[in-house]
Amino acid sequence: MPELPEVESLRRVLADEIVGRRIIAAMVTEPRLRRPLSPSLVGRVKGRVIGAINRRAKYLLLDLDTDAILLVHLGMSGSLTVRRDPAAGGALDTRHDHVRFVLDDGRCLIFNDPRRFGLIRLLDRTELAEAEELKGIGPEPFGAEFTIDYLWPLTRGRSTAIKNLLMDQRIVAGVGNIYASEILFRAGVRPTRRARRVTWAEAERIVAITRQVLEEAIGNGGTTFRSYLDGRGEPGRFAERLRVYDRTGQPCVKCRTPIRAVVIGQRSSFYCPRCQR
């Protein structure tokens, strides 16, 4: 599932490509996504100009010039790409092109989602604060609110694994399985450690390293293992820089001890038994 770096990388590409473009038509070939597409979507977006593209956690927010916002989530296998020729999907199977927005320069913004767990909703701006998808999401990891003074009290008295705490979207927005493993490796904290057992110094490292890892991933276009592609149809390059994720049995990049895997909260987690305590 695309995490914050993938969605932010996509946001930056789309901001360069389609801001200021007018939607002259829209077509839906498969309305059955995570939530069925509204029948009014096609008519409501026609003629509207894309003003800005923002992100909240793993959601894209496309501002339209009618005080409306297109809320998009990629789900597990979704992509949003700009194409000159809609039939030329490249690495994408065009049979799964479910929504097409035709732009005034002849290109198309296309939502492709083989597993159909993605989401597209058109909201009035006044509805955004109450949108159920965004309610209860914690601070952005790059925001001023995400500090040691914020995180430390949330670890106290908690028996949940520190990795699950980091992946809790109510605690911090956008961190998923891949990056939680990478953050904890660089912080030297084993993912199974109880949150209450994490020290102040370790929590402080986790805050700083969260930003470092996510910034590095964004700079490399995110991580692609299977289906993620950015707005130009290009895969992310951060997989080449992963130090523990999906490296079971391979030598640790620091100490050469074989990387181990453990299931935490039904997710595979990867760590070095020597470097992480």
Protein backbone atom coordinates (compact mmCIF):
# COMPACT_ATOMS: atom_id res chain seq x y z
CA MET A 1 0.00 0.00 0.00
CA PRO A 2 1.42 3.43 -0.90
CA GLU A 3 2.57 5.31 2.18
CA LEU A 4 3.31 8.98 2.77
CA PRO A 5 6.46 9.16 0.58
CA GLU A 6 4.69 7.64 -2.41
CA VAL A 7 1.69 9.94 -2.07
CA GLU A 8 3.87 13.01 -1.53
CA SER A 9 6.03 12.09 -4.52
CA LEU A 10 2.88 11.73 -6.60
CA ARG A 11 1.56 15.05 -5.31
CA ARG A 12 4.72 16.86 -6.41
CA VAL A 13 4.63 15.34 -9.88
CA LEU A 14 0.96 16.18 -10.36
CA ALA A 15 1.50 19.72 -9.05
CA ASP A 16 4.04 20.24 -11.83
CA GLU A 17 1.89 18.58 -14.48
CA ILE A 18 -1.75 19.53 -14.01
CA VAL A 19 -2.22 22.57 -11.75
CA GLY A 20 -4.02 25.22 -13.79
CA ARG A 21 -5.47 22.71 -16.23
CA ARG A 22 -9.22 22.61 -16.86
CA ILE A 23 -11.16 19.33 -16.79
CA ILE A 24 -13.20 19.32 -19.98
CA ALA A 25 -14.71 15.86 -19.54
CA ALA A 26 -14.71 12.87 -17.20
CA MET A 27 -15.51 9.22 -17.79
CA VAL A 28 -16.13 6.38 -15.34
CA THR A 29 -15.85 2.79 -16.57
CA GLU A 30 -15.93 1.11 -13.14
CA PRO A 31 -17.69 2.90 -10.26
CA ARG A 32 -17.20 0.06 -7.77
CA LEU A 33 -14.20 1.23 -5.78
CA ARG A 34 -13.80 1.03 -1.99
CA ARG A 35 -16.83 3.30 -1.90
CA PRO A 36 -19.02 3.45 -5.03
CA LEU A 37 -18.35 6.58 -7.08
CA SER A 38 -21.06 9.21 -6.92
CA PRO A 39 -23.14 9.37 -10.13
CA SER A 40 -22.83 13.17 -9.95
CA LEU A 41 -19.02 13.14 -10.10
CA VAL A 42 -18.74 13.42 -13.89
CA GLY A 43 -21.07 16.40 -14.15
CA ARG A 44 -19.66 18.23 -11.14
CA VAL A 45 -16.01 18.18 -12.27
CA LYS A 46 -16.63 19.10 -15.92
CA GLY A 47 -15.30 22.56 -16.70
CA ARG A 48 -13.49 22.96 -13.38
CA VAL A 49 -9.90 24.12 -13.05
CA ILE A 50 -7.41 22.28 -10.84
CA GLY A 51 -6.10 24.99 -8.53
CA ALA A 52 -3.73 23.24 -6.13
CA ILE A 53 -2.82 19.72 -5.02
CA ASN A 54 -2.29 19.03 -1.35
CA ARG A 55 -1.82 15.95 0.82
CA ARG A 56 -3.14 14.87 4.21
CA ALA A 57 -1.59 11.63 5.49
CA LYS A 58 -2.03 9.18 2.57
CA TYR A 59 -4.81 11.18 0.89
CA LEU A 60 -4.44 13.51 -2.10
CA LEU A 61 -6.58 16.66 -2.12
CA LEU A 62 -7.15 18.27 -5.54
CA ASP A 63 -8.61 21.75 -5.15
CA LEU A 64 -11.11 22.71 -7.84
CA ASP A 65 -12.20 26.26 -8.60
CA THR A 66 -15.73 25.76 -7.27
CA ASP A 67 -14.84 25.38 -3.59
CA ALA A 68 -14.85 21.63 -4.22
CA ILE A 69 -12.09 19.18 -3.37
CA LEU A 70 -11.40 15.84 -5.02
CA LEU A 71 -10.29 13.45 -2.28
CA VAL A 72 -8.22 10.53 -3.62
CA HIS A 73 -6.75 7.48 -1.89
CA LEU A 74 -4.73 4.95 -3.87
CA GLY A 75 -5.77 1.97 -1.76
CA MET A 76 -3.46 -1.03 -2.16
CA SER A 77 -2.84 -0.97 -5.89
CA GLY A 78 -4.03 2.37 -7.24
CA SER A 79 -2.19 4.89 -9.39
CA LEU A 80 -2.98 8.32 -10.77
CA THR A 81 -1.06 9.08 -13.94
CA VAL A 82 -1.04 11.76 -16.61
CA ARG A 83 -1.04 10.33 -20.13
CA ARG A 84 -1.02 11.83 -23.59
CA ASP A 85 -2.43 8.59 -25.02
CA PRO A 86 -4.90 6.91 -22.63
CA ALA A 87 -4.40 3.58 -24.40
CA ALA A 88 -0.67 3.64 -23.67
CA GLY A 89 -0.62 2.47 -20.07
CA GLY A 90 3.04 1.45 -20.06
CA ALA A 91 3.53 -0.74 -17.00
CA LEU A 92 -0.15 -0.34 -16.10
CA ASP A 93 -2.87 -2.66 -17.37
CA THR A 94 -5.36 -0.30 -19.00
CA ARG A 95 -8.19 -2.74 -18.29
CA HIS A 96 -8.07 -1.31 -14.77
CA ASP A 97 -8.37 2.34 -15.85
CA HIS A 98 -11.56 3.10 -13.94
CA VAL A 99 -11.77 6.91 -14.06
CA ARG A 100 -10.49 9.31 -16.71
CA PHE A 101 -10.33 13.10 -16.46
CA VAL A 102 -9.72 14.73 -19.85
CA LEU A 103 -7.69 17.95 -19.53
CA ASP A 104 -7.74 21.03 -21.74
CA ASP A 105 -4.27 20.32 -23.17
CA GLY A 106 -5.35 16.95 -24.58
CA ARG A 107 -3.83 14.81 -21.84
CA CYS A 108 -5.76 12.64 -19.40
CA LEU A 109 -5.47 12.14 -15.67
CA ILE A 110 -6.31 8.46 -15.17
CA PHE A 111 -7.09 6.49 -12.02
CA ASN A 112 -6.02 2.86 -12.40
CA ASP A 113 -6.69 0.35 -9.62
CA PRO A 114 -6.60 -3.44 -10.20
CA ARG A 115 -7.84 -4.34 -6.72
CA ARG A 116 -10.36 -1.47 -6.47
CA PHE A 117 -9.56 -0.57 -2.85
CA GLY A 118 -8.92 3.02 -3.87
CA LEU A 119 -11.23 5.94 -3.23
CA ILE A 120 -12.37 9.06 -5.08
CA ARG A 121 -14.79 11.48 -3.42
CA LEU A 122 -15.84 14.97 -4.45
CA LEU A 123 -16.48 17.14 -1.40
CA ASP A 124 -17.48 20.73 -0.82
CA ARG A 125 -14.68 22.55 0.97
CA THR A 126 -16.95 23.02 3.99
CA GLU A 127 -17.33 19.23 4.24
CA LEU A 128 -13.61 18.49 4.34
CA ALA A 129 -13.10 18.97 8.08
CA GLU A 130 -15.87 16.47 8.78
CA ALA A 131 -14.89 13.90 6.15
CA GLU A 132 -14.78 10.53 7.90
CA GLU A 133 -11.57 9.56 6.08
CA LEU A 134 -9.66 12.45 7.65
CA LYS A 135 -11.17 12.49 11.12
CA GLY A 136 -8.84 11.59 13.96
CA ILE A 137 -5.64 11.59 11.88
CA GLY A 138 -2.59 12.61 13.90
CA PRO A 139 -0.04 15.30 13.07
CA GLU A 140 2.02 15.22 9.92
CA PRO A 141 5.56 13.94 10.59
CA PHE A 142 7.01 17.09 8.98
CA GLY A 143 4.75 19.39 11.01
CA ALA A 144 5.78 21.46 14.00
CA GLU A 145 3.49 19.43 16.26
CA PHE A 146 5.39 16.15 15.80
CA THR A 147 8.08 16.54 18.47
CA ILE A 148 9.57 14.54 21.32
CA ASP A 149 7.27 16.46 23.70
CA TYR A 150 4.31 15.18 21.68
CA LEU A 151 5.45 11.59 21.17
CA TRP A 152 6.95 10.84 24.59
CA PRO A 153 3.69 11.04 26.65
CA LEU A 154 1.95 8.82 24.09
CA THR A 155 4.44 6.03 24.73
CA ARG A 156 4.01 6.05 28.50
CA GLY A 157 2.02 3.17 29.96
CA ARG A 158 1.40 1.61 26.55
CA SER A 159 1.99 -2.09 26.07
CA THR A 160 1.59 -1.95 22.28
CA ALA A 161 4.69 -2.62 20.19
CA ILE A 162 6.51 0.58 19.26
CA LYS A 163 6.18 -0.31 15.57
CA ASN A 164 2.40 -0.47 15.87
CA LEU A 165 2.42 2.86 17.66
CA LEU A 166 4.32 4.46 14.78
CA MET A 167 1.87 2.99 12.27
CA ASP A 168 -1.18 4.23 14.19
CA GLN A 169 -2.56 7.03 12.01
CA ARG A 170 -4.06 8.64 15.12
CA ILE A 171 -0.52 9.10 16.47
CA VAL A 172 1.31 10.25 13.34
CA ALA A 173 0.00 10.56 9.80
CA GLY A 174 1.19 8.51 6.85
CA VAL A 175 3.79 6.11 8.31
CA GLY A 176 3.17 2.54 7.15
CA ASN A 177 4.84 -0.85 7.35
CA ILE A 178 7.87 -0.24 5.13
CA TYR A 179 8.97 3.02 6.70
CA ALA A 180 8.23 2.03 10.29
CA SER A 181 10.69 -0.87 9.88
CA GLU A 182 13.32 1.43 8.37
CA ILE A 183 12.85 4.14 11.02
CA LEU A 184 13.25 1.72 13.91
CA PHE A 185 16.33 0.12 12.39
CA ARG A 186 18.07 3.47 12.09
CA ALA A 187 16.93 4.40 15.61
CA GLY A 188 18.32 1.11 17.00
CA VAL A 189 14.97 0.09 18.51
CA ARG A 190 13.54 -3.39 18.02
CA PRO A 191 10.03 -3.23 16.51
CA THR A 192 8.59 -5.62 19.12
CA ARG A 193 9.66 -3.41 22.05
CA ARG A 194 6.76 -2.25 24.20
CA ALA A 195 6.19 1.47 23.71
CA ARG A 196 6.47 2.06 27.46
CA ARG A 197 9.98 0.54 27.40
CA VAL A 198 11.28 3.10 24.91
CA THR A 199 13.55 5.67 26.54
CA TRP A 200 13.38 9.44 26.10
CA ALA A 201 16.60 9.39 24.04
CA GLU A 202 15.23 6.63 21.80
CA ALA A 203 11.92 8.45 21.31
CA GLU A 204 13.84 11.60 20.42
CA ARG A 205 15.82 9.64 17.82
CA ILE A 206 12.63 8.15 16.42
CA VAL A 207 11.14 11.62 15.85
CA ALA A 208 14.25 12.90 14.07
CA ILE A 209 14.80 9.72 12.04
CA THR A 210 11.15 9.58 10.98
CA ARG A 211 11.66 12.85 9.14
CA GLN A 212 15.03 11.76 7.73
CA VAL A 213 13.74 8.46 6.33
CA LEU A 214 10.60 9.99 4.84
CA GLU A 215 12.53 12.86 3.26
CA GLU A 216 15.02 10.43 1.74
CA ALA A 217 12.21 8.27 0.40
CA ILE A 218 10.41 11.25 -1.12
CA GLY A 219 13.66 12.36 -2.74
CA ASN A 220 13.83 8.95 -4.42
CA GLY A 221 10.22 8.91 -5.57
CA GLY A 222 9.04 6.48 -2.90
CA THR A 223 9.26 2.68 -2.90
CA THR A 224 7.95 0.35 -5.59
CA PHE A 225 7.65 -3.40 -5.00
CA ARG A 226 4.66 -4.26 -7.15
CA SER A 227 2.29 -1.68 -8.54
CA TYR A 228 3.10 1.84 -7.33
CA LEU A 229 3.94 4.35 -10.09
CA ASP A 230 4.22 8.11 -9.84
CA GLY A 231 2.19 10.59 -11.89
CA ARG A 232 4.46 10.09 -14.92
CA GLY A 233 4.18 6.31 -14.70
CA GLU A 234 7.66 5.87 -13.17
CA PRO A 235 8.44 3.50 -10.26
CA GLY A 236 9.93 4.70 -6.98
CA ARG A 237 13.66 4.17 -6.41
CA PHE A 238 13.87 3.95 -2.61
CA ALA A 239 13.69 0.12 -2.60
CA GLU A 240 17.41 0.14 -3.46
CA ARG A 241 18.10 2.02 -0.19
CA LEU A 242 16.07 -0.15 2.19
CA ARG A 243 18.25 -1.49 5.01
CA VAL A 244 15.96 -4.06 6.65
CA TYR A 245 12.55 -4.22 4.99
CA ASP A 246 12.06 -7.44 2.99
CA ARG A 247 15.71 -8.46 3.59
CA THR A 248 15.15 -11.58 5.72
CA GLY A 249 18.33 -13.64 5.97
CA GLN A 250 20.50 -11.03 4.28
CA PRO A 251 23.41 -9.53 6.24
CA CYS A 252 22.79 -6.36 8.22
CA VAL A 253 24.37 -3.36 6.49
CA LYS A 254 25.99 -2.38 9.81
CA CYS A 255 27.09 -5.59 11.55
CA ARG A 256 26.52 -8.39 8.96
CA THR A 257 24.15 -10.30 11.30
CA PRO A 258 21.32 -11.89 9.27
CA ILE A 259 18.14 -9.81 9.23
CA ARG A 260 15.17 -11.45 10.90
CA ALA A 261 11.43 -11.18 10.32
CA VAL A 262 8.61 -11.29 12.84
CA VAL A 263 4.86 -10.75 12.50
CA ILE A 264 3.54 -7.81 14.52
CA GLY A 265 -0.10 -6.89 14.22
CA GLN A 266 -0.50 -9.18 11.19
CA ARG A 267 2.31 -7.37 9.36
CA SER A 268 5.78 -8.69 8.59
CA SER A 269 8.41 -6.68 10.42
CA PHE A 270 12.14 -6.78 9.79
CA TYR A 271 15.01 -6.06 12.17
CA CYS A 272 18.60 -6.76 13.07
CA PRO A 273 18.79 -8.77 16.33
CA ARG A 274 22.16 -7.22 17.13
CA CYS A 275 21.70 -3.56 16.20
CA GLN A 276 18.17 -3.20 17.52
CA ARG A 277 17.44 -3.72 21.20
